[in-house]
PDB file of N, CA and C in Angstrom:
ATOM      1  N   MET A   1     -41.098 106.770 102.766  1.00  0.00           N
ATOM      2  CA  MET A   1     -40.727 106.770 101.376  1.00  0.00           C
ATOM      3  C   MET A   1     -39.279 107.262 101.264  1.00  0.00           C
ATOM      4  N   ILE A   2     -38.498 106.557 100.454  1.00  0.00           N
ATOM      5  CA  ILE A   2     -37.104 106.924 100.254  1.00  0.00           C
ATOM      6  C   ILE A   2     -36.990 107.661  98.930  1.00  0.00           C
ATOM      7  N   GLU A   3     -36.406 108.831  98.989  1.00  0.00           N
ATOM      8  CA  GLU A   3     -36.201 109.622  97.781  1.00  0.00           C
ATOM      9  C   GLU A   3     -34.733 109.642  97.436  1.00  0.00           C
ATOM     10  N   SER A   4     -34.451 109.549  96.165  1.00  0.00           N
ATOM     11  CA  SER A   4     -33.060 109.663  95.751  1.00  0.00           C
ATOM     12  C   SER A   4     -32.876 111.007  95.080  1.00  0.00           C
ATOM     13  N   ILE A   5     -31.828 111.674  95.456  1.00  0.00           N
ATOM     14  CA  ILE A   5     -31.525 112.984  94.900  1.00  0.00           C
ATOM     15  C   ILE A   5     -30.284 112.836  94.019  1.00  0.00           C
ATOM     16  N   THR A   6     -30.429 113.221  92.787  1.00  0.00           N
ATOM     17  CA  THR A   6     -29.307 113.169  91.860  1.00  0.00           C
ATOM     18  C   THR A   6     -28.776 114.577  91.658  1.00  0.00           C
ATOM     19  N   THR A   7     -27.505 114.756  91.914  1.00  0.00           N
ATOM     20  CA  THR A   7     -26.895 116.066  91.749  1.00  0.00           C
ATOM     21  C   THR A   7     -26.327 116.199  90.342  1.00  0.00           C
ATOM     22  N   GLN A   8     -25.985 117.412  89.991  1.00  0.00           N
ATOM     23  CA  GLN A   8     -25.376 117.669  88.687  1.00  0.00           C
ATOM     24  C   GLN A   8     -24.060 116.907  88.553  1.00  0.00           C
ATOM     25  N   THR A   9     -23.305 116.805  89.656  1.00  0.00           N
ATOM     26  CA  THR A   9     -22.037 116.082  89.637  1.00  0.00           C
ATOM     27  C   THR A   9     -22.281 114.609  89.339  1.00  0.00           C
ATOM     28  N   ASP A  10     -23.328 114.022  89.957  1.00  0.00           N
ATOM     29  CA  ASP A  10     -23.660 112.621  89.709  1.00  0.00           C
ATOM     30  C   ASP A  10     -24.013 112.407  88.241  1.00  0.00           C
ATOM     31  N   VAL A  11     -24.785 113.305  87.676  1.00  0.00           N
ATOM     32  CA  VAL A  11     -25.191 113.189  86.276  1.00  0.00           C
ATOM     33  C   VAL A  11     -23.971 113.305  85.370  1.00  0.00           C
ATOM     34  N   SER A  12     -23.098 114.258  85.640  1.00  0.00           N
ATOM     35  CA  SER A  12     -21.885 114.418  84.836  1.00  0.00           C
ATOM     36  C   SER A  12     -21.017 113.172  84.909  1.00  0.00           C
ATOM     37  N   SER A  13     -20.919 112.605  86.091  1.00  0.00           N
ATOM     38  CA  SER A  13     -20.127 111.386  86.267  1.00  0.00           C
ATOM     39  C   SER A  13     -20.721 110.226  85.473  1.00  0.00           C
ATOM     40  N   MET A  14     -22.051 110.111  85.498  1.00  0.00           N
ATOM     41  CA  MET A  14     -22.711 109.043  84.741  1.00  0.00           C
ATOM     42  C   MET A  14     -22.514 109.232  83.240  1.00  0.00           C
ATOM     43  N   ILE A  15     -22.582 110.473  82.770  1.00  0.00           N
ATOM     44  CA  ILE A  15     -22.375 110.752  81.344  1.00  0.00           C
ATOM     45  C   ILE A  15     -20.951 110.390  80.950  1.00  0.00           C
ATOM     46  N   ASP A  16     -19.971 110.739  81.779  1.00  0.00           N
ATOM     47  CA  ASP A  16     -18.584 110.392  81.495  1.00  0.00           C
ATOM     48  C   ASP A  16     -18.399 108.882  81.442  1.00  0.00           C
ATOM     49  N   ASP A  17     -19.057 108.153  82.355  1.00  0.00           N
ATOM     50  CA  ASP A  17     -18.972 106.694  82.346  1.00  0.00           C
ATOM     51  C   ASP A  17     -19.563 106.116  81.072  1.00  0.00           C
ATOM     52  N   LEU A  18     -20.713 106.643  80.642  1.00  0.00           N
ATOM     53  CA  LEU A  18     -21.338 106.149  79.420  1.00  0.00           C
ATOM     54  C   LEU A  18     -20.475 106.437  78.198  1.00  0.00           C
ATOM     55  N   LYS A  19     -19.865 107.612  78.153  1.00  0.00           N
ATOM     56  CA  LYS A  19     -19.009 107.957  77.028  1.00  0.00           C
ATOM     57  C   LYS A  19     -17.831 106.998  76.934  1.00  0.00           C
ATOM     58  N   SER A  20     -17.238 106.658  78.072  1.00  0.00           N
ATOM     59  CA  SER A  20     -16.059 105.801  78.046  1.00  0.00           C
ATOM     60  C   SER A  20     -16.407 104.372  77.679  1.00  0.00           C
ATOM     61  N   LEU A  21     -17.662 103.970  77.823  1.00  0.00           N
ATOM     62  CA  LEU A  21     -18.058 102.613  77.452  1.00  0.00           C
ATOM     63  C   LEU A  21     -17.976 102.396  75.949  1.00  0.00           C
ATOM     64  N   ASN A  22     -18.188 103.421  75.162  1.00  0.00           N
ATOM     65  CA  ASN A  22     -18.219 103.276  73.717  1.00  0.00           C
ATOM     66  C   ASN A  22     -16.903 103.650  73.037  1.00  0.00           C
ATOM     67  N   VAL A  23     -15.848 103.849  73.797  1.00  0.00           N
ATOM     68  CA  VAL A  23     -14.555 104.193  73.219  1.00  0.00           C
ATOM     69  C   VAL A  23     -13.834 102.903  72.850  1.00  0.00           C
ATOM     70  N   ILE A  24     -13.420 102.815  71.589  1.00  0.00           N
ATOM     71  CA  ILE A  24     -12.656 101.661  71.132  1.00  0.00           C
ATOM     72  C   ILE A  24     -11.191 102.039  71.262  1.00  0.00           C
ATOM     73  N   LYS A  25     -10.479 101.333  72.137  1.00  0.00           N
ATOM     74  CA  LYS A  25      -9.073 101.646  72.397  1.00  0.00           C
ATOM     75  C   LYS A  25      -8.194 100.708  71.581  1.00  0.00           C
ATOM     76  N   VAL A  26      -7.271 101.306  70.841  1.00  0.00           N
ATOM     77  CA  VAL A  26      -6.428 100.553  69.920  1.00  0.00           C
ATOM     78  C   VAL A  26      -4.976 100.612  70.381  1.00  0.00           C
ATOM     79  N   SER A  27      -4.296  99.470  70.327  1.00  0.00           N
ATOM     80  CA  SER A  27      -2.872  99.432  70.638  1.00  0.00           C
ATOM     81  C   SER A  27      -2.102  99.094  69.369  1.00  0.00           C
ATOM     82  N   ALA A  28      -0.808  99.152  69.459  1.00  0.00           N
ATOM     83  CA  ALA A  28       0.035  98.828  68.305  1.00  0.00           C
ATOM     84  C   ALA A  28      -0.102  97.354  67.919  1.00  0.00           C
ATOM     85  N   ARG A  29      -0.537  96.525  68.867  1.00  0.00           N
ATOM     86  CA  ARG A  29      -0.687  95.087  68.608  1.00  0.00           C
ATOM     87  C   ARG A  29      -2.124  94.687  68.244  1.00  0.00           C
ATOM     88  N   SER A  30      -3.034  95.658  68.171  1.00  0.00           N
ATOM     89  CA  SER A  30      -4.432  95.351  67.832  1.00  0.00           C
ATOM     90  C   SER A  30      -4.527  94.805  66.414  1.00  0.00           C
ATOM     91  N   ARG A  31      -5.387  93.811  66.233  1.00  0.00           N
ATOM     92  CA  ARG A  31      -5.644  93.278  64.893  1.00  0.00           C
ATOM     93  C   ARG A  31      -6.603  94.225  64.176  1.00  0.00           C
ATOM     94  N   THR A  32      -6.193  94.715  63.021  1.00  0.00           N
ATOM     95  CA  THR A  32      -6.984  95.732  62.320  1.00  0.00           C
ATOM     96  C   THR A  32      -8.365  95.222  61.930  1.00  0.00           C
ATOM     97  N   ALA A  33      -8.475  93.961  61.514  1.00  0.00           N
ATOM     98  CA  ALA A  33      -9.778  93.427  61.119  1.00  0.00           C
ATOM     99  C   ALA A  33     -10.723  93.370  62.318  1.00  0.00           C
ATOM    100  N   ALA A  34     -10.198  93.027  63.488  1.00  0.00           N
ATOM    101  CA  ALA A  34     -11.030  92.970  64.693  1.00  0.00           C
ATOM    102  C   ALA A  34     -11.499  94.370  65.097  1.00  0.00           C
ATOM    103  N   VAL A  35     -10.596  95.337  65.037  1.00  0.00           N
ATOM    104  CA  VAL A  35     -10.965  96.715  65.365  1.00  0.00           C
ATOM    105  C   VAL A  35     -11.971  97.244  64.350  1.00  0.00           C
ATOM    106  N   ALA A  36     -11.762  96.924  63.071  1.00  0.00           N
ATOM    107  CA  ALA A  36     -12.694  97.358  62.022  1.00  0.00           C
ATOM    108  C   ALA A  36     -14.084  96.783  62.270  1.00  0.00           C
ATOM    109  N   GLY A  37     -14.142  95.528  62.660  1.00  0.00           N
ATOM    110  CA  GLY A  37     -15.428  94.908  62.982  1.00  0.00           C
ATOM    111  C   GLY A  37     -16.103  95.588  64.161  1.00  0.00           C
ATOM    112  N   ALA A  38     -15.305  95.960  65.163  1.00  0.00           N
ATOM    113  CA  ALA A  38     -15.861  96.670  66.321  1.00  0.00           C
ATOM    114  C   ALA A  38     -16.396  98.035  65.916  1.00  0.00           C
ATOM    115  N   ILE A  39     -15.647  98.737  65.081  1.00  0.00           N
ATOM    116  CA  ILE A  39     -16.093 100.058  64.610  1.00  0.00           C
ATOM    117  C   ILE A  39     -17.398  99.923  63.839  1.00  0.00           C
ATOM    118  N   ALA A  40     -17.457  98.967  62.907  1.00  0.00           N
ATOM    119  CA  ALA A  40     -18.670  98.768  62.106  1.00  0.00           C
ATOM    120  C   ALA A  40     -19.848  98.384  62.995  1.00  0.00           C
ATOM    121  N   GLY A  41     -19.602  97.539  63.989  1.00  0.00           N
ATOM    122  CA  GLY A  41     -20.673  97.131  64.902  1.00  0.00           C
ATOM    123  C   GLY A  41     -21.211  98.288  65.710  1.00  0.00           C
ATOM    124  N   VAL A  42     -20.325  99.123  66.229  1.00  0.00           N
ATOM    125  CA  VAL A  42     -20.758 100.292  67.011  1.00  0.00           C
ATOM    126  C   VAL A  42     -21.508 101.267  66.111  1.00  0.00           C
ATOM    127  N   MET A  43     -21.031 101.443  64.888  1.00  0.00           N
ATOM    128  CA  MET A  43     -21.715 102.339  63.944  1.00  0.00           C
ATOM    129  C   MET A  43     -23.126 101.842  63.647  1.00  0.00           C
ATOM    130  N   ARG A  44     -23.283 100.540  63.504  1.00  0.00           N
ATOM    131  CA  ARG A  44     -24.624  99.980  63.237  1.00  0.00           C
ATOM    132  C   ARG A  44     -25.548 100.197  64.421  1.00  0.00           C
ATOM    133  N   GLU A  45     -25.009 100.097  65.625  1.00  0.00           N
ATOM    134  CA  GLU A  45     -25.810 100.230  66.843  1.00  0.00           C
ATOM    135  C   GLU A  45     -26.149 101.668  67.172  1.00  0.00           C
ATOM    136  N   SER A  46     -25.139 102.545  67.131  1.00  0.00           N
ATOM    137  CA  SER A  46     -25.375 103.893  67.646  1.00  0.00           C
ATOM    138  C   SER A  46     -25.045 105.009  66.660  1.00  0.00           C
ATOM    139  N   SER A  47     -24.698 104.682  65.440  1.00  0.00           N
ATOM    140  CA  SER A  47     -24.406 105.667  64.393  1.00  0.00           C
ATOM    141  C   SER A  47     -23.252 106.593  64.732  1.00  0.00           C
ATOM    142  N   ARG A  48     -22.386 106.172  65.645  1.00  0.00           N
ATOM    143  CA  ARG A  48     -21.242 106.995  66.019  1.00  0.00           C
ATOM    144  C   ARG A  48     -20.252 106.109  66.760  1.00  0.00           C
ATOM    145  N   ALA A  49     -18.992 106.248  66.447  1.00  0.00           N
ATOM    146  CA  ALA A  49     -17.962 105.484  67.144  1.00  0.00           C
ATOM    147  C   ALA A  49     -16.807 106.407  67.486  1.00  0.00           C
ATOM    148  N   GLU A  50     -16.147 106.105  68.577  1.00  0.00           N
ATOM    149  CA  GLU A  50     -14.974 106.861  68.986  1.00  0.00           C
ATOM    150  C   GLU A  50     -13.827 105.882  69.168  1.00  0.00           C
ATOM    151  N   VAL A  51     -12.707 106.177  68.518  1.00  0.00           N
ATOM    152  CA  VAL A  51     -11.529 105.323  68.578  1.00  0.00           C
ATOM    153  C   VAL A  51     -10.404 106.151  69.187  1.00  0.00           C
ATOM    154  N   GLN A  52      -9.669 105.561  70.138  1.00  0.00           N
ATOM    155  CA  GLN A  52      -8.535 106.258  70.744  1.00  0.00           C
ATOM    156  C   GLN A  52      -7.275 105.428  70.586  1.00  0.00           C
ATOM    157  N   ALA A  53      -6.165 106.107  70.327  1.00  0.00           N
ATOM    158  CA  ALA A  53      -4.881 105.440  70.182  1.00  0.00           C
ATOM    159  C   ALA A  53      -3.784 106.317  70.765  1.00  0.00           C
ATOM    160  N   ILE A  54      -2.822 105.677  71.432  1.00  0.00           N
ATOM    161  CA  ILE A  54      -1.675 106.394  71.987  1.00  0.00           C
ATOM    162  C   ILE A  54      -0.421 105.789  71.377  1.00  0.00           C
ATOM    163  N   GLY A  55       0.348 106.621  70.697  1.00  0.00           N
ATOM    164  CA  GLY A  55       1.587 106.171  70.086  1.00  0.00           C
ATOM    165  C   GLY A  55       1.441 105.943  68.593  1.00  0.00           C
ATOM    166  N   ALA A  56       2.564 106.034  67.887  1.00  0.00           N
ATOM    167  CA  ALA A  56       2.550 105.948  66.429  1.00  0.00           C
ATOM    168  C   ALA A  56       2.030 104.607  65.927  1.00  0.00           C
ATOM    169  N   GLY A  57       2.459 103.508  66.547  1.00  0.00           N
ATOM    170  CA  GLY A  57       2.010 102.191  66.111  1.00  0.00           C
ATOM    171  C   GLY A  57       0.513 102.007  66.296  1.00  0.00           C
ATOM    172  N   ALA A  58      -0.006 102.498  67.400  1.00  0.00           N
ATOM    173  CA  ALA A  58      -1.440 102.387  67.675  1.00  0.00           C
ATOM    174  C   ALA A  58      -2.245 103.259  66.712  1.00  0.00           C
ATOM    175  N   VAL A  59      -1.755 104.452  66.426  1.00  0.00           N
ATOM    176  CA  VAL A  59      -2.447 105.333  65.481  1.00  0.00           C
ATOM    177  C   VAL A  59      -2.461 104.695  64.092  1.00  0.00           C
ATOM    178  N   ASN A  60      -1.352 104.075  63.706  1.00  0.00           N
ATOM    179  CA  ASN A  60      -1.272 103.381  62.420  1.00  0.00           C
ATOM    180  C   ASN A  60      -2.330 102.277  62.338  1.00  0.00           C
ATOM    181  N   GLN A  61      -2.435 101.457  63.371  1.00  0.00           N
ATOM    182  CA  GLN A  61      -3.420 100.374  63.386  1.00  0.00           C
ATOM    183  C   GLN A  61      -4.848 100.931  63.362  1.00  0.00           C
ATOM    184  N   ALA A  62      -5.070 102.022  64.070  1.00  0.00           N
ATOM    185  CA  ALA A  62      -6.401 102.633  64.115  1.00  0.00           C
ATOM    186  C   ALA A  62      -6.813 103.143  62.735  1.00  0.00           C
ATOM    187  N   VAL A  63      -5.899 103.821  62.055  1.00  0.00           N
ATOM    188  CA  VAL A  63      -6.220 104.363  60.730  1.00  0.00           C
ATOM    189  C   VAL A  63      -6.527 103.225  59.755  1.00  0.00           C
ATOM    190  N   LYS A  64      -5.722 102.174  59.778  1.00  0.00           N
ATOM    191  CA  LYS A  64      -5.981 101.036  58.891  1.00  0.00           C
ATOM    192  C   LYS A  64      -7.337 100.399  59.207  1.00  0.00           C
ATOM    193  N   ALA A  65      -7.668 100.289  60.490  1.00  0.00           N
ATOM    194  CA  ALA A  65      -8.950  99.709  60.886  1.00  0.00           C
ATOM    195  C   ALA A  65     -10.120 100.573  60.418  1.00  0.00           C
ATOM    196  N   ILE A  66      -9.970 101.876  60.481  1.00  0.00           N
ATOM    197  CA  ILE A  66     -11.034 102.780  60.028  1.00  0.00           C
ATOM    198  C   ILE A  66     -11.263 102.615  58.528  1.00  0.00           C
ATOM    199  N   VAL A  67     -10.177 102.464  57.760  1.00  0.00           N
ATOM    200  CA  VAL A  67     -10.308 102.263  56.313  1.00  0.00           C
ATOM    201  C   VAL A  67     -11.025 100.940  56.022  1.00  0.00           C
ATOM    202  N   ILE A  68     -10.678  99.901  56.754  1.00  0.00           N
ATOM    203  CA  ILE A  68     -11.338  98.604  56.564  1.00  0.00           C
ATOM    204  C   ILE A  68     -12.818  98.706  56.946  1.00  0.00           C
ATOM    205  N   ALA A  69     -13.119  99.362  58.072  1.00  0.00           N
ATOM    206  CA  ALA A  69     -14.510  99.538  58.510  1.00  0.00           C
ATOM    207  C   ALA A  69     -15.303 100.328  57.483  1.00  0.00           C
ATOM    208  N   LYS A  70     -14.667 101.304  56.864  1.00  0.00           N
ATOM    209  CA  LYS A  70     -15.319 102.091  55.807  1.00  0.00           C
ATOM    210  C   LYS A  70     -15.789 101.166  54.691  1.00  0.00           C
ATOM    211  N   GLY A  71     -14.958 100.195  54.322  1.00  0.00           N
ATOM    212  CA  GLY A  71     -15.338  99.226  53.300  1.00  0.00           C
ATOM    213  C   GLY A  71     -16.487  98.342  53.747  1.00  0.00           C
ATOM    214  N   TYR A  72     -16.426  97.858  55.006  1.00  0.00           N
ATOM    215  CA  TYR A  72     -17.522  97.030  55.534  1.00  0.00           C
ATOM    216  C   TYR A  72     -18.846  97.782  55.470  1.00  0.00           C
ATOM    217  N   LEU A  73     -18.835  99.030  55.921  1.00  0.00           N
ATOM    218  CA  LEU A  73     -20.070  99.809  56.004  1.00  0.00           C
ATOM    219  C   LEU A  73     -20.552 100.258  54.629  1.00  0.00           C
ATOM    220  N   ALA A  74     -19.630 100.494  53.701  1.00  0.00           N
ATOM    221  CA  ALA A  74     -20.017 100.911  52.352  1.00  0.00           C
ATOM    222  C   ALA A  74     -20.840  99.816  51.671  1.00  0.00           C
ATOM    223  N   GLU A  75     -20.557  98.552  51.985  1.00  0.00           N
ATOM    224  CA  GLU A  75     -21.344  97.447  51.440  1.00  0.00           C
ATOM    225  C   GLU A  75     -22.808  97.529  51.859  1.00  0.00           C
ATOM    226  N   GLU A  76     -23.064  98.209  52.985  1.00  0.00           N
ATOM    227  CA  GLU A  76     -24.429  98.390  53.502  1.00  0.00           C
ATOM    228  C   GLU A  76     -24.949  99.788  53.173  1.00  0.00           C
ATOM    229  N   ASP A  77     -24.264 100.483  52.278  1.00  0.00           N
ATOM    230  CA  ASP A  77     -24.609 101.835  51.863  1.00  0.00           C
ATOM    231  C   ASP A  77     -24.554 102.842  53.017  1.00  0.00           C
ATOM    232  N   VAL A  78     -23.646 102.601  53.963  1.00  0.00           N
ATOM    233  CA  VAL A  78     -23.392 103.540  55.052  1.00  0.00           C
ATOM    234  C   VAL A  78     -22.029 104.154  54.773  1.00  0.00           C
ATOM    235  N   HIS A  79     -21.994 105.461  54.593  1.00  0.00           N
ATOM    236  CA  HIS A  79     -20.751 106.172  54.299  1.00  0.00           C
ATOM    237  C   HIS A  79     -20.374 106.996  55.514  1.00  0.00           C
ATOM    238  N   ILE A  80     -19.095 106.989  55.846  1.00  0.00           N
ATOM    239  CA  ILE A  80     -18.657 107.599  57.099  1.00  0.00           C
ATOM    240  C   ILE A  80     -17.659 108.725  56.876  1.00  0.00           C
ATOM    241  N   THR A  81     -17.546 109.566  57.893  1.00  0.00           N
ATOM    242  CA  THR A  81     -16.484 110.571  57.967  1.00  0.00           C
ATOM    243  C   THR A  81     -15.698 110.302  59.244  1.00  0.00           C
ATOM    244  N   CYS A  82     -14.481 110.779  59.264  1.00  0.00           N
ATOM    245  CA  CYS A  82     -13.613 110.574  60.416  1.00  0.00           C
ATOM    246  C   CYS A  82     -12.980 111.905  60.779  1.00  0.00           C
ATOM    247  N   VAL A  83     -13.151 112.316  62.018  1.00  0.00           N
ATOM    248  CA  VAL A  83     -12.595 113.588  62.482  1.00  0.00           C
ATOM    249  C   VAL A  83     -11.568 113.294  63.578  1.00  0.00           C
ATOM    250  N   PRO A  84     -10.282 113.496  63.275  1.00  0.00           N
ATOM    251  CA  PRO A  84      -9.253 113.255  64.302  1.00  0.00           C
ATOM    252  C   PRO A  84      -9.069 114.469  65.205  1.00  0.00           C
ATOM    253  N   SER A  85      -8.664 114.196  66.441  1.00  0.00           N
ATOM    254  CA  SER A  85      -8.345 115.271  67.381  1.00  0.00           C
ATOM    255  C   SER A  85      -7.432 114.702  68.458  1.00  0.00           C
ATOM    256  N   PHE A  86      -6.845 115.593  69.235  1.00  0.00           N
ATOM    257  CA  PHE A  86      -6.041 115.180  70.378  1.00  0.00           C
ATOM    258  C   PHE A  86      -6.909 115.240  71.622  1.00  0.00           C
ATOM    259  N   VAL A  87      -6.672 114.316  72.543  1.00  0.00           N
ATOM    260  CA  VAL A  87      -7.389 114.307  73.813  1.00  0.00           C
ATOM    261  C   VAL A  87      -6.415 113.867  74.900  1.00  0.00           C
ATOM    262  N   ASP A  88      -6.511 114.495  76.058  1.00  0.00           N
ATOM    263  CA  ASP A  88      -5.677 114.104  77.197  1.00  0.00           C
ATOM    264  C   ASP A  88      -6.392 113.015  77.984  1.00  0.00           C
ATOM    265  N   VAL A  89      -5.681 111.942  78.288  1.00  0.00           N
ATOM    266  CA  VAL A  89      -6.257 110.837  79.053  1.00  0.00           C
ATOM    267  C   VAL A  89      -5.348 110.534  80.238  1.00  0.00           C
ATOM    268  N   ASP A  90      -5.936 110.051  81.316  1.00  0.00           N
ATOM    269  CA  ASP A  90      -5.169 109.661  82.502  1.00  0.00           C
ATOM    270  C   ASP A  90      -4.957 108.163  82.485  1.00  0.00           C
ATOM    271  N   ILE A  91      -3.699 107.747  82.535  1.00  0.00           N
ATOM    272  CA  ILE A  91      -3.357 106.332  82.596  1.00  0.00           C
ATOM    273  C   ILE A  91      -2.374 106.155  83.744  1.00  0.00           C
ATOM    274  N   ASP A  92      -2.772 105.367  84.719  1.00  0.00           N
ATOM    275  CA  ASP A  92      -1.923 105.134  85.904  1.00  0.00           C
ATOM    276  C   ASP A  92      -1.458 106.446  86.521  1.00  0.00           C
ATOM    277  N   ASP A  93      -2.388 107.357  86.710  1.00  0.00           N
ATOM    278  CA  ASP A  93      -2.121 108.667  87.313  1.00  0.00           C
ATOM    279  C   ASP A  93      -1.136 109.522  86.522  1.00  0.00           C
ATOM    280  N   GLN A  94      -0.993 109.229  85.228  1.00  0.00           N
ATOM    281  CA  GLN A  94      -0.169 110.057  84.351  1.00  0.00           C
ATOM    282  C   GLN A  94      -1.045 110.561  83.215  1.00  0.00           C
ATOM    283  N   GLU A  95      -0.871 111.822  82.870  1.00  0.00           N
ATOM    284  CA  GLU A  95      -1.632 112.384  81.755  1.00  0.00           C
ATOM    285  C   GLU A  95      -0.889 112.101  80.453  1.00  0.00           C
ATOM    286  N   ARG A  96      -1.590 111.474  79.511  1.00  0.00           N
ATOM    287  CA  ARG A  96      -1.015 111.156  78.205  1.00  0.00           C
ATOM    288  C   ARG A  96      -1.883 111.800  77.127  1.00  0.00           C
ATOM    289  N   THR A  97      -1.313 112.034  75.971  1.00  0.00           N
ATOM    290  CA  THR A  97      -2.066 112.585  74.852  1.00  0.00           C
ATOM    291  C   THR A  97      -2.383 111.451  73.887  1.00  0.00           C
ATOM    292  N   ALA A  98      -3.651 111.294  73.598  1.00  0.00           N
ATOM    293  CA  ALA A  98      -4.104 110.267  72.660  1.00  0.00           C
ATOM    294  C   ALA A  98      -4.643 110.945  71.407  1.00  0.00           C
ATOM    295  N   VAL A  99      -4.663 110.198  70.327  1.00  0.00           N
ATOM    296  CA  VAL A  99      -5.342 110.657  69.124  1.00  0.00           C
ATOM    297  C   VAL A  99      -6.739 110.044  69.170  1.00  0.00           C
ATOM    298  N   ARG A 100      -7.723 110.897  69.021  1.00  0.00           N
ATOM    299  CA  ARG A 100      -9.124 110.474  69.060  1.00  0.00           C
ATOM    300  C   ARG A 100      -9.690 110.605  67.663  1.00  0.00           C
ATOM    301  N   PHE A 101     -10.332 109.543  67.199  1.00  0.00           N
ATOM    302  CA  PHE A 101     -11.002 109.570  65.898  1.00  0.00           C
ATOM    303  C   PHE A 101     -12.504 109.465  66.153  1.00  0.00           C
ATOM    304  N   LEU A 102     -13.229 110.474  65.771  1.00  0.00           N
ATOM    305  CA  LEU A 102     -14.687 110.439  65.860  1.00  0.00           C
ATOM    306  C   LEU A 102     -15.220 110.019  64.507  1.00  0.00           C
ATOM    307  N   ILE A 103     -15.953 108.925  64.472  1.00  0.00           N
ATOM    308  CA  ILE A 103     -16.462 108.381  63.213  1.00  0.00           C
ATOM    309  C   ILE A 103     -17.972 108.514  63.229  1.00  0.00           C
ATOM    310  N   GLU A 104     -18.485 109.193  62.208  1.00  0.00           N
ATOM    311  CA  GLU A 104     -19.921 109.460  62.116  1.00  0.00           C
ATOM    312  C   GLU A 104     -20.380 109.221  60.683  1.00  0.00           C
ATOM    313  N   PRO A 105     -21.688 109.032  60.498  1.00  0.00           N
ATOM    314  CA  PRO A 105     -22.203 108.898  59.121  1.00  0.00           C
ATOM    315  C   PRO A 105     -22.008 110.202  58.350  1.00  0.00           C
ATOM    316  N   ARG A 106     -21.696 110.080  57.099  1.00  0.00           N
ATOM    317  CA  ARG A 106     -21.570 111.256  56.239  1.00  0.00           C
ATOM    318  C   ARG A 106     -22.953 111.739  55.866  1.00  0.00           C
ATOM    319  N   CYS A 107     -23.170 113.033  55.952  1.00  0.00           N
ATOM    320  CA  CYS A 107     -24.487 113.605  55.634  1.00  0.00           C
ATOM    321  C   CYS A 107     -24.684 113.790  54.155  1.00  0.00           C
TER     322      CYS A 107
END
């Protein structure tokens, strides 16, 4: 019989992988309607979305997309809150600071 042993490190790594799957990454060239649709879709599926943007143009597009998604979801009587924060991300072995928007249903 073959037994598999899962360590705490393996579990942490899997959790980090799952978290990164649901991150919506926005660039300065992202179409706001497309990002808004992605946000609304993730909210419908998991009741929580995470949006990340690096740079002023990307943050601008992200904020506009969140406002549009708010309208999409309000039509379905889903009201959201948005909590911004800074997060450090590694891109090409360089640490960059991104703006992270956590979008959740309003209680």
